PDB file of N, CA and C in Angstrom:
ATOM      1  N   UNK A   1       0.845  -1.181   0.000  1.00  0.00           N
ATOM      2  CA  UNK A   1       0.000   0.000   0.000  1.00  0.00           C
ATOM      3  C   UNK A   1       0.884   1.236   0.000  1.00  0.00           C
ATOM      4  N   UNK A   2       0.615   2.146  -0.900  1.00  0.00           N
ATOM      5  CA  UNK A   2       1.356   3.398  -0.979  1.00  0.00           C
ATOM      6  C   UNK A   2       0.429   4.538  -0.594  1.00  0.00           C
ATOM      7  N   UNK A   3       0.867   5.334   0.332  1.00  0.00           N
ATOM      8  CA  UNK A   3       0.055   6.482   0.719  1.00  0.00           C
ATOM      9  C   UNK A   3       0.639   7.741   0.121  1.00  0.00           C
ATOM     10  N   UNK A   4      -0.200   8.713  -0.109  1.00  0.00           N
ATOM     11  CA  UNK A   4       0.225   9.925  -0.800  1.00  0.00           C
ATOM     12  C   UNK A   4       1.059  10.857   0.078  1.00  0.00           C
ATOM     13  N   UNK A   5       0.961  10.786   1.370  1.00  0.00           N
ATOM     14  CA  UNK A   5       1.789  11.621   2.244  1.00  0.00           C
ATOM     15  C   UNK A   5       1.281  13.043   2.366  1.00  0.00           C
ATOM     16  N   UNK A   6       2.170  13.951   2.743  1.00  0.00           N
ATOM     17  CA  UNK A   6       1.781  15.327   3.037  1.00  0.00           C
ATOM     18  C   UNK A   6       1.384  16.131   1.807  1.00  0.00           C
ATOM     19  N   UNK A   7       1.968  15.841   0.647  1.00  0.00           N
ATOM     20  CA  UNK A   7       1.627  16.638  -0.535  1.00  0.00           C
ATOM     21  C   UNK A   7       0.506  16.026  -1.366  1.00  0.00           C
ATOM     22  N   UNK A   8       0.058  14.833  -1.012  1.00  0.00           N
ATOM     23  CA  UNK A   8      -1.053  14.214  -1.713  1.00  0.00           C
ATOM     24  C   UNK A   8      -0.694  13.550  -3.019  1.00  0.00           C
ATOM     25  N   UNK A   9       0.595  13.153  -3.191  1.00  0.00           N
ATOM     26  CA  UNK A   9       1.029  12.579  -4.464  1.00  0.00           C
ATOM     27  C   UNK A   9       2.223  11.662  -4.225  1.00  0.00           C
ATOM     28  N   UNK A  10       2.195  10.459  -4.811  1.00  0.00           N
ATOM     29  CA  UNK A  10       3.291   9.512  -4.663  1.00  0.00           C
ATOM     30  C   UNK A  10       3.422   8.691  -5.934  1.00  0.00           C
ATOM     31  N   UNK A  11       4.658   8.540  -6.438  1.00  0.00           N
ATOM     32  CA  UNK A  11       4.943   7.684  -7.590  1.00  0.00           C
ATOM     33  C   UNK A  11       5.922   6.611  -7.132  1.00  0.00           C
ATOM     34  N   UNK A  12       5.634   5.364  -7.464  1.00  0.00           N
ATOM     35  CA  UNK A  12       6.542   4.265  -7.150  1.00  0.00           C
ATOM     36  C   UNK A  12       6.713   3.398  -8.385  1.00  0.00           C
ATOM     37  N   UNK A  13       7.935   2.932  -8.600  1.00  0.00           N
ATOM     38  CA  UNK A  13       8.218   2.015  -9.699  1.00  0.00           C
ATOM     39  C   UNK A  13       8.894   0.793  -9.104  1.00  0.00           C
ATOM     40  N   UNK A  14       8.309  -0.356  -9.356  1.00  0.00           N
ATOM     41  CA  UNK A  14       8.851  -1.609  -8.842  1.00  0.00           C
ATOM     42  C   UNK A  14       9.255  -2.485 -10.020  1.00  0.00           C
ATOM     43  N   UNK A  15      10.388  -3.157  -9.878  1.00  0.00           N
ATOM     44  CA  UNK A  15      10.834  -4.027 -10.966  1.00  0.00           C
ATOM     45  C   UNK A  15      11.260  -5.380 -10.415  1.00  0.00           C
ATOM     46  N   UNK A  16      11.145  -6.372 -11.274  1.00  0.00           N
ATOM     47  CA  UNK A  16      11.593  -7.712 -10.955  1.00  0.00           C
ATOM     48  C   UNK A  16      11.957  -8.401 -12.258  1.00  0.00           C
ATOM     49  N   UNK A  17      13.171  -8.838 -12.388  1.00  0.00           N
ATOM     50  CA  UNK A  17      13.739  -9.435 -13.598  1.00  0.00           C
ATOM     51  C   UNK A  17      13.412  -8.569 -14.808  1.00  0.00           C
ATOM     52  N   UNK A  18      12.578  -9.028 -15.723  1.00  0.00           N
ATOM     53  CA  UNK A  18      12.312  -8.252 -16.936  1.00  0.00           C
ATOM     54  C   UNK A  18      10.935  -7.583 -16.927  1.00  0.00           C
ATOM     55  N   UNK A  19      10.339  -7.412 -15.754  1.00  0.00           N
ATOM     56  CA  UNK A  19       9.022  -6.774 -15.652  1.00  0.00           C
ATOM     57  C   UNK A  19       9.098  -5.608 -14.666  1.00  0.00           C
ATOM     58  N   UNK A  20       8.223  -4.643 -14.866  1.00  0.00           N
ATOM     59  CA  UNK A  20       8.148  -3.533 -13.928  1.00  0.00           C
ATOM     60  C   UNK A  20       6.720  -3.023 -13.867  1.00  0.00           C
ATOM     61  N   UNK A  21       6.447  -2.262 -12.830  1.00  0.00           N
ATOM     62  CA  UNK A  21       5.116  -1.694 -12.652  1.00  0.00           C
ATOM     63  C   UNK A  21       5.245  -0.308 -12.047  1.00  0.00           C
ATOM     64  N   UNK A  22       4.437   0.608 -12.517  1.00  0.00           N
ATOM     65  CA  UNK A  22       4.403   1.965 -11.979  1.00  0.00           C
ATOM     66  C   UNK A  22       3.090   2.138 -11.239  1.00  0.00           C
ATOM     67  N   UNK A  23       3.178   2.748 -10.079  1.00  0.00           N
ATOM     68  CA  UNK A  23       1.985   2.989  -9.276  1.00  0.00           C
ATOM     69  C   UNK A  23       1.960   4.455  -8.846  1.00  0.00           C
ATOM     70  N   UNK A  24       0.800   5.069  -8.953  1.00  0.00           N
ATOM     71  CA  UNK A  24       0.637   6.453  -8.499  1.00  0.00           C
ATOM     72  C   UNK A  24      -0.536   6.512  -7.537  1.00  0.00           C
ATOM     73  N   UNK A  25      -0.296   7.139  -6.411  1.00  0.00           N
ATOM     74  CA  UNK A  25      -1.343   7.386  -5.434  1.00  0.00           C
ATOM     75  C   UNK A  25      -1.445   8.898  -5.280  1.00  0.00           C
ATOM     76  N   UNK A  26      -2.656   9.421  -5.396  1.00  0.00           N
ATOM     77  CA  UNK A  26      -2.804  10.869  -5.252  1.00  0.00           C
ATOM     78  C   UNK A  26      -4.188  11.217  -4.742  1.00  0.00           C
ATOM     79  N   UNK A  27      -4.272  12.391  -4.170  1.00  0.00           N
ATOM     80  CA  UNK A  27      -5.570  12.935  -3.807  1.00  0.00           C
ATOM     81  C   UNK A  27      -6.292  13.329  -5.086  1.00  0.00           C
ATOM     82  N   UNK A  28      -7.609  13.230  -5.102  1.00  0.00           N
ATOM     83  CA  UNK A  28      -8.379  13.557  -6.308  1.00  0.00           C
ATOM     84  C   UNK A  28      -8.182  14.998  -6.759  1.00  0.00           C
ATOM     85  N   UNK A  29      -7.970  15.920  -5.823  1.00  0.00           N
ATOM     86  CA  UNK A  29      -7.786  17.316  -6.232  1.00  0.00           C
ATOM     87  C   UNK A  29      -6.383  17.587  -6.779  1.00  0.00           C
ATOM     88  N   UNK A  30      -5.453  16.646  -6.627  1.00  0.00           N
ATOM     89  CA  UNK A  30      -4.107  16.783  -7.202  1.00  0.00           C
ATOM     90  C   UNK A  30      -4.070  16.180  -8.603  1.00  0.00           C
ATOM     91  N   UNK A  31      -4.561  14.952  -8.723  1.00  0.00           N
ATOM     92  CA  UNK A  31      -4.543  14.227  -9.995  1.00  0.00           C
ATOM     93  C   UNK A  31      -5.779  13.334 -10.038  1.00  0.00           C
ATOM     94  N   UNK A  32      -6.721  13.698 -10.871  1.00  0.00           N
ATOM     95  CA  UNK A  32      -8.002  12.987 -10.909  1.00  0.00           C
ATOM     96  C   UNK A  32      -7.883  11.576 -11.477  1.00  0.00           C
ATOM     97  N   UNK A  33      -7.032  11.384 -12.500  1.00  0.00           N
ATOM     98  CA  UNK A  33      -6.894  10.068 -13.131  1.00  0.00           C
ATOM     99  C   UNK A  33      -5.421   9.667 -13.180  1.00  0.00           C
ATOM    100  N   UNK A  34      -4.881   9.078 -12.114  1.00  0.00           N
ATOM    101  CA  UNK A  34      -3.458   8.732 -12.086  1.00  0.00           C
ATOM    102  C   UNK A  34      -3.063   7.677 -13.115  1.00  0.00           C
ATOM    103  N   UNK A  35      -4.003   6.891 -13.628  1.00  0.00           N
ATOM    104  CA  UNK A  35      -3.679   5.851 -14.606  1.00  0.00           C
ATOM    105  C   UNK A  35      -3.090   6.454 -15.883  1.00  0.00           C
ATOM    106  N   UNK A  36      -3.541   7.650 -16.271  1.00  0.00           N
ATOM    107  CA  UNK A  36      -2.994   8.297 -17.473  1.00  0.00           C
ATOM    108  C   UNK A  36      -1.507   8.576 -17.306  1.00  0.00           C
ATOM    109  N   UNK A  37      -1.122   9.110 -16.140  1.00  0.00           N
ATOM    110  CA  UNK A  37       0.285   9.408 -15.893  1.00  0.00           C
ATOM    111  C   UNK A  37       1.090   8.116 -15.787  1.00  0.00           C
ATOM    112  N   UNK A  38       0.534   7.072 -15.170  1.00  0.00           N
ATOM    113  CA  UNK A  38       1.206   5.766 -15.112  1.00  0.00           C
ATOM    114  C   UNK A  38       1.510   5.258 -16.518  1.00  0.00           C
ATOM    115  N   UNK A  39       0.536   5.356 -17.402  1.00  0.00           N
ATOM    116  CA  UNK A  39       0.702   4.889 -18.776  1.00  0.00           C
ATOM    117  C   UNK A  39       1.816   5.661 -19.477  1.00  0.00           C
ATOM    118  N   UNK A  40       1.860   6.965 -19.310  1.00  0.00           N
ATOM    119  CA  UNK A  40       2.916   7.779 -19.928  1.00  0.00           C
ATOM    120  C   UNK A  40       4.298   7.414 -19.399  1.00  0.00           C
ATOM    121  N   UNK A  41       4.416   7.217 -18.096  1.00  0.00           N
ATOM    122  CA  UNK A  41       5.701   6.845 -17.494  1.00  0.00           C
ATOM    123  C   UNK A  41       6.147   5.476 -17.997  1.00  0.00           C
ATOM    124  N   UNK A  42       5.238   4.508 -17.985  1.00  0.00           N
ATOM    125  CA  UNK A  42       5.572   3.167 -18.462  1.00  0.00           C
ATOM    126  C   UNK A  42       5.979   3.193 -19.931  1.00  0.00           C
ATOM    127  N   UNK A  43       5.262   3.955 -20.754  1.00  0.00           N
ATOM    128  CA  UNK A  43       5.599   4.065 -22.172  1.00  0.00           C
ATOM    129  C   UNK A  43       6.999   4.654 -22.349  1.00  0.00           C
ATOM    130  N   UNK A  44       7.317   5.683 -21.579  1.00  0.00           N
ATOM    131  CA  UNK A  44       8.628   6.316 -21.685  1.00  0.00           C
ATOM    132  C   UNK A  44       9.739   5.345 -21.294  1.00  0.00           C
ATOM    133  N   UNK A  45       9.543   4.594 -20.223  1.00  0.00           N
ATOM    134  CA  UNK A  45      10.552   3.624 -19.797  1.00  0.00           C
ATOM    135  C   UNK A  45      10.762   2.562 -20.875  1.00  0.00           C
ATOM    136  N   UNK A  46       9.686   1.998 -21.385  1.00  0.00           N
ATOM    137  CA  UNK A  46       9.784   0.959 -22.418  1.00  0.00           C
ATOM    138  C   UNK A  46      10.436   1.511 -23.686  1.00  0.00           C
ATOM    139  N   UNK A  47      10.077   2.723 -24.089  1.00  0.00           N
ATOM    140  CA  UNK A  47      10.659   3.287 -25.311  1.00  0.00           C
ATOM    141  C   UNK A  47      12.159   3.532 -25.151  1.00  0.00           C
ATOM    142  N   UNK A  48      12.612   3.930 -23.964  1.00  0.00           N
ATOM    143  CA  UNK A  48      14.039   4.130 -23.735  1.00  0.00           C
ATOM    144  C   UNK A  48      14.789   2.799 -23.712  1.00  0.00           C
ATOM    145  N   UNK A  49      14.172   1.771 -23.144  1.00  0.00           N
ATOM    146  CA  UNK A  49      14.785   0.440 -23.147  1.00  0.00           C
ATOM    147  C   UNK A  49      14.967  -0.039 -24.583  1.00  0.00           C
ATOM    148  N   UNK A  50      13.940   0.132 -25.410  1.00  0.00           N
ATOM    149  CA  UNK A  50      14.026  -0.280 -26.811  1.00  0.00           C
ATOM    150  C   UNK A  50      15.012   0.583 -27.585  1.00  0.00           C
ATOM    151  N   UNK A  51      14.987   1.890 -27.351  1.00  0.00           N
ATOM    152  CA  UNK A  51      15.865   2.818 -28.070  1.00  0.00           C
ATOM    153  C   UNK A  51      17.337   2.475 -27.860  1.00  0.00           C
ATOM    154  N   UNK A  52      17.687   2.108 -26.637  1.00  0.00           N
ATOM    155  CA  UNK A  52      19.086   1.839 -26.312  1.00  0.00           C
ATOM    156  C   UNK A  52      19.433   0.358 -26.379  1.00  0.00           C
ATOM    157  N   UNK A  53      18.456  -0.482 -26.757  1.00  0.00           N
ATOM    158  CA  UNK A  53      18.708  -1.913 -26.906  1.00  0.00           C
ATOM    159  C   UNK A  53      19.115  -2.583 -25.602  1.00  0.00           C
ATOM    160  N   UNK A  54      18.546  -2.165 -24.507  1.00  0.00           N
ATOM    161  CA  UNK A  54      18.911  -2.699 -23.205  1.00  0.00           C
ATOM    162  C   UNK A  54      18.214  -4.036 -22.985  1.00  0.00           C
ATOM    163  N   UNK A  55      18.997  -5.024 -22.590  1.00  0.00           N
ATOM    164  CA  UNK A  55      18.475  -6.342 -22.234  1.00  0.00           C
ATOM    165  C   UNK A  55      19.108  -6.753 -20.910  1.00  0.00           C
ATOM    166  N   UNK A  56      18.535  -7.741 -20.230  1.00  0.00           N
ATOM    167  CA  UNK A  56      19.183  -8.205 -18.993  1.00  0.00           C
ATOM    168  C   UNK A  56      20.619  -8.668 -19.229  1.00  0.00           C
ATOM    169  N   UNK A  57      20.884  -9.216 -20.420  1.00  0.00           N
ATOM    170  CA  UNK A  57      22.222  -9.726 -20.722  1.00  0.00           C
ATOM    171  C   UNK A  57      23.260  -8.614 -20.896  1.00  0.00           C
ATOM    172  N   UNK A  58      22.870  -7.459 -21.437  1.00  0.00           N
ATOM    173  CA  UNK A  58      23.857  -6.405 -21.685  1.00  0.00           C
ATOM    174  C   UNK A  58      23.738  -5.227 -20.721  1.00  0.00           C
ATOM    175  N   UNK A  59      22.990  -5.382 -19.662  1.00  0.00           N
ATOM    176  CA  UNK A  59      22.777  -4.281 -18.726  1.00  0.00           C
ATOM    177  C   UNK A  59      24.085  -3.763 -18.136  1.00  0.00           C
ATOM    178  N   UNK A  60      24.998  -4.644 -17.730  1.00  0.00           N
ATOM    179  CA  UNK A  60      26.264  -4.196 -17.150  1.00  0.00           C
ATOM    180  C   UNK A  60      27.092  -3.405 -18.153  1.00  0.00           C
ATOM    181  N   UNK A  61      27.119  -3.832 -19.413  1.00  0.00           N
ATOM    182  CA  UNK A  61      27.832  -3.084 -20.445  1.00  0.00           C
ATOM    183  C   UNK A  61      27.223  -1.697 -20.625  1.00  0.00           C
ATOM    184  N   UNK A  62      25.901  -1.620 -20.622  1.00  0.00           N
ATOM    185  CA  UNK A  62      25.218  -0.341 -20.782  1.00  0.00           C
ATOM    186  C   UNK A  62      25.533   0.590 -19.614  1.00  0.00           C
ATOM    187  N   UNK A  63      25.552   0.062 -18.392  1.00  0.00           N
ATOM    188  CA  UNK A  63      25.871   0.875 -17.220  1.00  0.00           C
ATOM    189  C   UNK A  63      27.306   1.381 -17.276  1.00  0.00           C
ATOM    190  N   UNK A  64      28.232   0.547 -17.738  1.00  0.00           N
ATOM    191  CA  UNK A  64      29.627   0.977 -17.871  1.00  0.00           C
ATOM    192  C   UNK A  64      29.754   2.099 -18.898  1.00  0.00           C
ATOM    193  N   UNK A  65      29.024   1.981 -20.006  1.00  0.00           N
ATOM    194  CA  UNK A  65      29.049   3.029 -21.024  1.00  0.00           C
ATOM    195  C   UNK A  65      28.543   4.346 -20.442  1.00  0.00           C
ATOM    196  N   UNK A  66      27.493   4.273 -19.615  1.00  0.00           N
ATOM    197  CA  UNK A  66      26.944   5.480 -18.991  1.00  0.00           C
ATOM    198  C   UNK A  66      27.984   6.111 -18.059  1.00  0.00           C
ATOM    199  N   UNK A  67      28.735   5.299 -17.329  1.00  0.00           N
ATOM    200  CA  UNK A  67      29.769   5.809 -16.425  1.00  0.00           C
ATOM    201  C   UNK A  67      30.872   6.515 -17.197  1.00  0.00           C
ATOM    202  N   UNK A  68      31.168   6.026 -18.406  1.00  0.00           N
ATOM    203  CA  UNK A  68      32.232   6.589 -19.235  1.00  0.00           C
ATOM    204  C   UNK A  68      31.817   7.864 -19.952  1.00  0.00           C
ATOM    205  N   UNK A  69      30.593   8.289 -19.802  1.00  0.00           N
ATOM    206  CA  UNK A  69      30.179   9.535 -20.422  1.00  0.00           C
ATOM    207  C   UNK A  69      29.040   9.405 -21.399  1.00  0.00           C
ATOM    208  N   UNK A  70      28.400   8.259 -21.466  1.00  0.00           N
ATOM    209  CA  UNK A  70      27.214   8.116 -22.299  1.00  0.00           C
ATOM    210  C   UNK A  70      27.533   7.855 -23.749  1.00  0.00           C
ATOM    211  N   UNK A  71      26.501   7.950 -24.569  1.00  0.00           N
ATOM    212  CA  UNK A  71      26.665   7.696 -25.997  1.00  0.00           C
ATOM    213  C   UNK A  71      26.942   9.000 -26.745  1.00  0.00           C
ATOM    214  N   UNK A  72      27.101   8.922 -28.049  1.00  0.00           N
ATOM    215  CA  UNK A  72      27.453  10.091 -28.854  1.00  0.00           C
ATOM    216  C   UNK A  72      26.390  11.180 -28.775  1.00  0.00           C
ATOM    217  N   UNK A  73      25.111  10.791 -28.756  1.00  0.00           N
ATOM    218  CA  UNK A  73      24.041  11.786 -28.681  1.00  0.00           C
ATOM    219  C   UNK A  73      24.137  12.576 -27.388  1.00  0.00           C
ATOM    220  N   UNK A  74      24.369  11.879 -26.268  1.00  0.00           N
ATOM    221  CA  UNK A  74      24.461  12.553 -24.983  1.00  0.00           C
ATOM    222  C   UNK A  74      25.693  13.443 -24.928  1.00  0.00           C
ATOM    223  N   UNK A  75      26.814  12.992 -25.492  1.00  0.00           N
ATOM    224  CA  UNK A  75      28.024  13.814 -25.512  1.00  0.00           C
ATOM    225  C   UNK A  75      27.790  15.087 -26.304  1.00  0.00           C
ATOM    226  N   UNK A  76      27.076  14.985 -27.423  1.00  0.00           N
ATOM    227  CA  UNK A  76      26.756  16.168 -28.216  1.00  0.00           C
ATOM    228  C   UNK A  76      25.915  17.160 -27.436  1.00  0.00           C
ATOM    229  N   UNK A  77      24.980  16.662 -26.659  1.00  0.00           N
ATOM    230  CA  UNK A  77      24.147  17.526 -25.841  1.00  0.00           C
ATOM    231  C   UNK A  77      24.988  18.211 -24.775  1.00  0.00           C
ATOM    232  N   UNK A  78      25.885  17.467 -24.143  1.00  0.00           N
ATOM    233  CA  UNK A  78      26.754  18.027 -23.106  1.00  0.00           C
ATOM    234  C   UNK A  78      27.648  19.113 -23.698  1.00  0.00           C
ATOM    235  N   UNK A  79      28.206  18.869 -24.902  1.00  0.00           N
ATOM    236  CA  UNK A  79      29.089  19.827 -25.534  1.00  0.00           C
ATOM    237  C   UNK A  79      28.352  21.120 -25.897  1.00  0.00           C
ATOM    238  N   UNK A  80      27.116  20.990 -26.360  1.00  0.00           N
ATOM    239  CA  UNK A  80      26.341  22.171 -26.716  1.00  0.00           C
ATOM    240  C   UNK A  80      26.040  23.048 -25.498  1.00  0.00           C
ATOM    241  N   UNK A  81      25.850  22.411 -24.339  1.00  0.00           N
ATOM    242  CA  UNK A  81      25.550  23.160 -23.128  1.00  0.00           C
ATOM    243  C   UNK A  81      26.773  23.947 -22.641  1.00  0.00           C
ATOM    244  N   UNK A  82      27.984  23.429 -22.920  1.00  0.00           N
ATOM    245  CA  UNK A  82      29.204  24.084 -22.424  1.00  0.00           C
ATOM    246  C   UNK A  82      29.583  25.272 -23.216  1.00  0.00           C
TER     247      UNK A  82
END
């Protein structure tokens, strides 16, 4: 059970092996239909997993690449900001 707390809003993401679930608890006056936001978050996570070709088998390689400074697209973004 997830409670919304003092601000009336809580997001939780739980994962196990190759599955995950997003849960949102909110007061009705904060977010009337939390399922819409859950769907958007889940879609974004899945699209990023597909975009970067992340699998359980190559997860460690992907994490090492992120530690080294990310991929070419991210480096280009970092360079433009500097």
